Amino acid sequence: MAFERSFAPHWSAEGAIAVERHHSYPYVVLNDGSFLPIRAARFQTYPIDVTARYRWLNDSRWKPYLGAGGHYIAAANADSSFRYRSHFDGEVNGGTLFMFTPAVGVMLDGRLLLGDREPYDSAFKVSAGLSWRF
């Protein structure tokens, strides 16, 4: 779920939160390359994104944007043996919005994470969704 607020014709800010489900293998690879057998588990992480965006204004129904911001992963309920931990990374964000009507559209969004992210957190994330302006 995301919420975007425009502050000027070209500029906006977006806050987004999601749920990612993970499952583990029945082992963990240690730093020395050895395997440690463990019980397989399932758990959830909660990505939170805050992004400032520049939007190109045009007369078409396509509304492209490019932005930058922060990406936080809350992994509070993850077992420490899996090395999942809460962390913060920077991100670059881009995408487009296609408006069916002045109030309803679809969005395609891509995010590239920057910095020393966790191995389980994919460097490139793509999402799609419905947009409603009110």
Foldseek 3Di string as FASTA:
>chain_A
DKDKDDDDPFKIKMKDKDKDKDKDDQWDQDPVRDIDGHHIDIDIKMKIWIWMKTWDDDDAQKIKIKIKTKIWIPPPPDDCVNVDHIDMWIKIKIWIWGDPDPFKTKIKMKIATDDDDDPVDDRMDIDMDMGGDD
